[in-house]
Amino acid sequence: MKLRFLNNGYLNGFYAVLLAVVSIFTGEIVTFIMLGFIFMALLNINSTLKKILDKKS
């Protein structure tokens, strides 16, 4: 069973651009940077869990 949740690079790029535009208009640049770090960490966790799932299957 393959999990394909947010596996599209274009979708991730769209989310990043959307967050960047919102952060520029609201003046929350630091929040944008912190959300980027959180997003990268979640993607890393997601890819690790996918590898574990593939090994078990």
N, C-alpha and C. Protein backbone atom coordinates (compact mmCIF):
# COMPACT_ATOMS: atom_id res chain seq x y z
N MET A 1 0.84 -1.18 0.00
CA MET A 1 0.00 0.00 0.00
C MET A 1 0.89 1.25 0.00
N LYS A 2 0.69 2.09 -0.96
CA LYS A 2 1.48 3.32 -1.08
C LYS A 2 0.68 4.50 -0.54
N LEU A 3 1.32 5.27 0.33
CA LEU A 3 0.71 6.50 0.82
C LEU A 3 1.19 7.65 -0.06
N ARG A 4 0.27 8.43 -0.57
CA ARG A 4 0.64 9.53 -1.45
C ARG A 4 0.03 10.83 -0.94
N PHE A 5 0.33 11.20 0.28
CA PHE A 5 -0.20 12.42 0.87
C PHE A 5 0.82 13.54 0.71
N LEU A 6 0.47 14.56 -0.03
CA LEU A 6 1.34 15.71 -0.29
C LEU A 6 2.68 15.27 -0.86
N ASN A 7 2.64 14.35 -1.81
CA ASN A 7 3.86 13.84 -2.41
C ASN A 7 4.26 14.65 -3.63
N ASN A 8 3.53 15.71 -3.91
CA ASN A 8 3.78 16.52 -5.10
C ASN A 8 4.61 17.74 -4.74
N GLY A 9 5.76 17.90 -5.37
CA GLY A 9 6.64 19.03 -5.10
C GLY A 9 6.01 20.36 -5.47
N TYR A 10 5.18 20.37 -6.52
CA TYR A 10 4.53 21.60 -6.93
C TYR A 10 3.54 22.07 -5.87
N LEU A 11 2.85 21.14 -5.25
CA LEU A 11 1.90 21.50 -4.20
C LEU A 11 2.63 22.07 -2.99
N ASN A 12 3.74 21.49 -2.63
CA ASN A 12 4.54 22.02 -1.53
C ASN A 12 5.07 23.41 -1.85
N GLY A 13 5.49 23.62 -3.08
CA GLY A 13 5.95 24.94 -3.50
C GLY A 13 4.83 25.97 -3.46
N PHE A 14 3.64 25.54 -3.86
CA PHE A 14 2.48 26.44 -3.81
C PHE A 14 2.19 26.86 -2.37
N TYR A 15 2.24 25.91 -1.44
CA TYR A 15 2.02 26.23 -0.03
C TYR A 15 3.08 27.21 0.48
N ALA A 16 4.30 27.02 0.08
CA ALA A 16 5.38 27.90 0.52
C ALA A 16 5.18 29.32 -0.01
N VAL A 17 4.81 29.44 -1.28
CA VAL A 17 4.58 30.76 -1.87
C VAL A 17 3.37 31.42 -1.22
N LEU A 18 2.33 30.66 -0.98
CA LEU A 18 1.14 31.20 -0.32
C LEU A 18 1.47 31.72 1.08
N LEU A 19 2.21 30.95 1.84
CA LEU A 19 2.62 31.40 3.17
C LEU A 19 3.53 32.62 3.10
N ALA A 20 4.40 32.67 2.10
CA ALA A 20 5.29 33.82 1.95
C ALA A 20 4.50 35.09 1.65
N VAL A 21 3.53 35.01 0.78
CA VAL A 21 2.72 36.19 0.44
C VAL A 21 1.95 36.67 1.67
N VAL A 22 1.34 35.73 2.38
CA VAL A 22 0.58 36.10 3.58
C VAL A 22 1.51 36.71 4.62
N SER A 23 2.69 36.15 4.79
CA SER A 23 3.61 36.67 5.81
C SER A 23 4.14 38.05 5.45
N ILE A 24 4.33 38.33 4.16
CA ILE A 24 4.78 39.66 3.76
C ILE A 24 3.70 40.70 4.04
N PHE A 25 2.45 40.36 3.72
CA PHE A 25 1.37 41.32 3.96
C PHE A 25 1.11 41.54 5.44
N THR A 26 1.31 40.52 6.26
CA THR A 26 1.04 40.67 7.70
C THR A 26 2.27 41.09 8.48
N GLY A 27 3.45 41.04 7.86
CA GLY A 27 4.68 41.44 8.54
C GLY A 27 5.23 40.37 9.46
N GLU A 28 4.86 39.14 9.25
CA GLU A 28 5.29 38.03 10.11
C GLU A 28 6.34 37.17 9.38
N ILE A 29 7.47 37.76 9.08
CA ILE A 29 8.52 37.04 8.36
C ILE A 29 9.11 35.93 9.22
N VAL A 30 9.30 36.21 10.51
CA VAL A 30 9.87 35.20 11.41
C VAL A 30 8.94 33.99 11.51
N THR A 31 7.65 34.25 11.54
CA THR A 31 6.67 33.15 11.58
C THR A 31 6.79 32.30 10.33
N PHE A 32 6.98 32.93 9.18
CA PHE A 32 7.13 32.19 7.93
C PHE A 32 8.37 31.30 7.98
N ILE A 33 9.46 31.82 8.50
CA ILE A 33 10.69 31.02 8.60
C ILE A 33 10.49 29.85 9.55
N MET A 34 9.84 30.08 10.69
CA MET A 34 9.61 29.00 11.65
C MET A 34 8.65 27.95 11.07
N LEU A 35 7.63 28.38 10.34
CA LEU A 35 6.74 27.42 9.70
C LEU A 35 7.48 26.61 8.65
N GLY A 36 8.43 27.22 7.98
CA GLY A 36 9.25 26.48 7.02
C GLY A 36 10.06 25.39 7.70
N PHE A 37 10.65 25.71 8.86
CA PHE A 37 11.40 24.68 9.60
C PHE A 37 10.48 23.56 10.06
N ILE A 38 9.31 23.91 10.55
CA ILE A 38 8.36 22.89 11.00
C ILE A 38 7.92 22.02 9.82
N PHE A 39 7.66 22.65 8.68
CA PHE A 39 7.24 21.91 7.49
C PHE A 39 8.32 20.94 7.03
N MET A 40 9.58 21.38 7.05
CA MET A 40 10.68 20.50 6.66
C MET A 40 10.82 19.33 7.62
N ALA A 41 10.64 19.59 8.91
CA ALA A 41 10.72 18.51 9.90
C ALA A 41 9.60 17.49 9.69
N LEU A 42 8.39 17.98 9.41
CA LEU A 42 7.27 17.07 9.17
C LEU A 42 7.47 16.25 7.91
N LEU A 43 8.03 16.86 6.88
CA LEU A 43 8.31 16.09 5.66
C LEU A 43 9.36 15.02 5.92
N ASN A 44 10.35 15.34 6.75
CA ASN A 44 11.37 14.36 7.10
C ASN A 44 10.76 13.19 7.88
N ILE A 45 9.91 13.50 8.84
CA ILE A 45 9.22 12.45 9.60
C ILE A 45 8.36 11.60 8.69
N ASN A 46 7.66 12.25 7.75
CA ASN A 46 6.79 11.54 6.82
C ASN A 46 7.60 10.58 5.94
N SER A 47 8.73 11.04 5.43
CA SER A 47 9.53 10.17 4.56
C SER A 47 10.13 9.01 5.36
N THR A 48 10.50 9.25 6.61
CA THR A 48 11.02 8.17 7.45
C THR A 48 9.95 7.13 7.72
N LEU A 49 8.74 7.57 8.02
CA LEU A 49 7.65 6.63 8.25
C LEU A 49 7.30 5.85 6.99
N LYS A 50 7.39 6.48 5.83
CA LYS A 50 7.16 5.77 4.58
C LYS A 50 8.19 4.68 4.36
N LYS A 51 9.46 4.97 4.69
CA LYS A 51 10.51 3.95 4.55
C LYS A 51 10.25 2.78 5.47
N ILE A 52 9.84 3.06 6.70
CA ILE A 52 9.54 1.98 7.64
C ILE A 52 8.37 1.14 7.13
N LEU A 53 7.34 1.81 6.60
CA LEU A 53 6.18 1.10 6.07
C LEU A 53 6.59 0.23 4.89
N ASP A 54 7.45 0.72 4.02
CA ASP A 54 7.89 -0.07 2.87
C ASP A 54 8.69 -1.27 3.30
N LYS A 55 9.50 -1.15 4.37
CA LYS A 55 10.28 -2.30 4.85
C LYS A 55 9.37 -3.37 5.44
N LYS A 56 8.28 -2.96 6.07
CA LYS A 56 7.36 -3.93 6.68
C LYS A 56 6.48 -4.61 5.64
N SER A 57 6.24 -3.95 4.51
CA SER A 57 5.36 -4.51 3.49
C SER A 57 6.07 -5.52 2.61
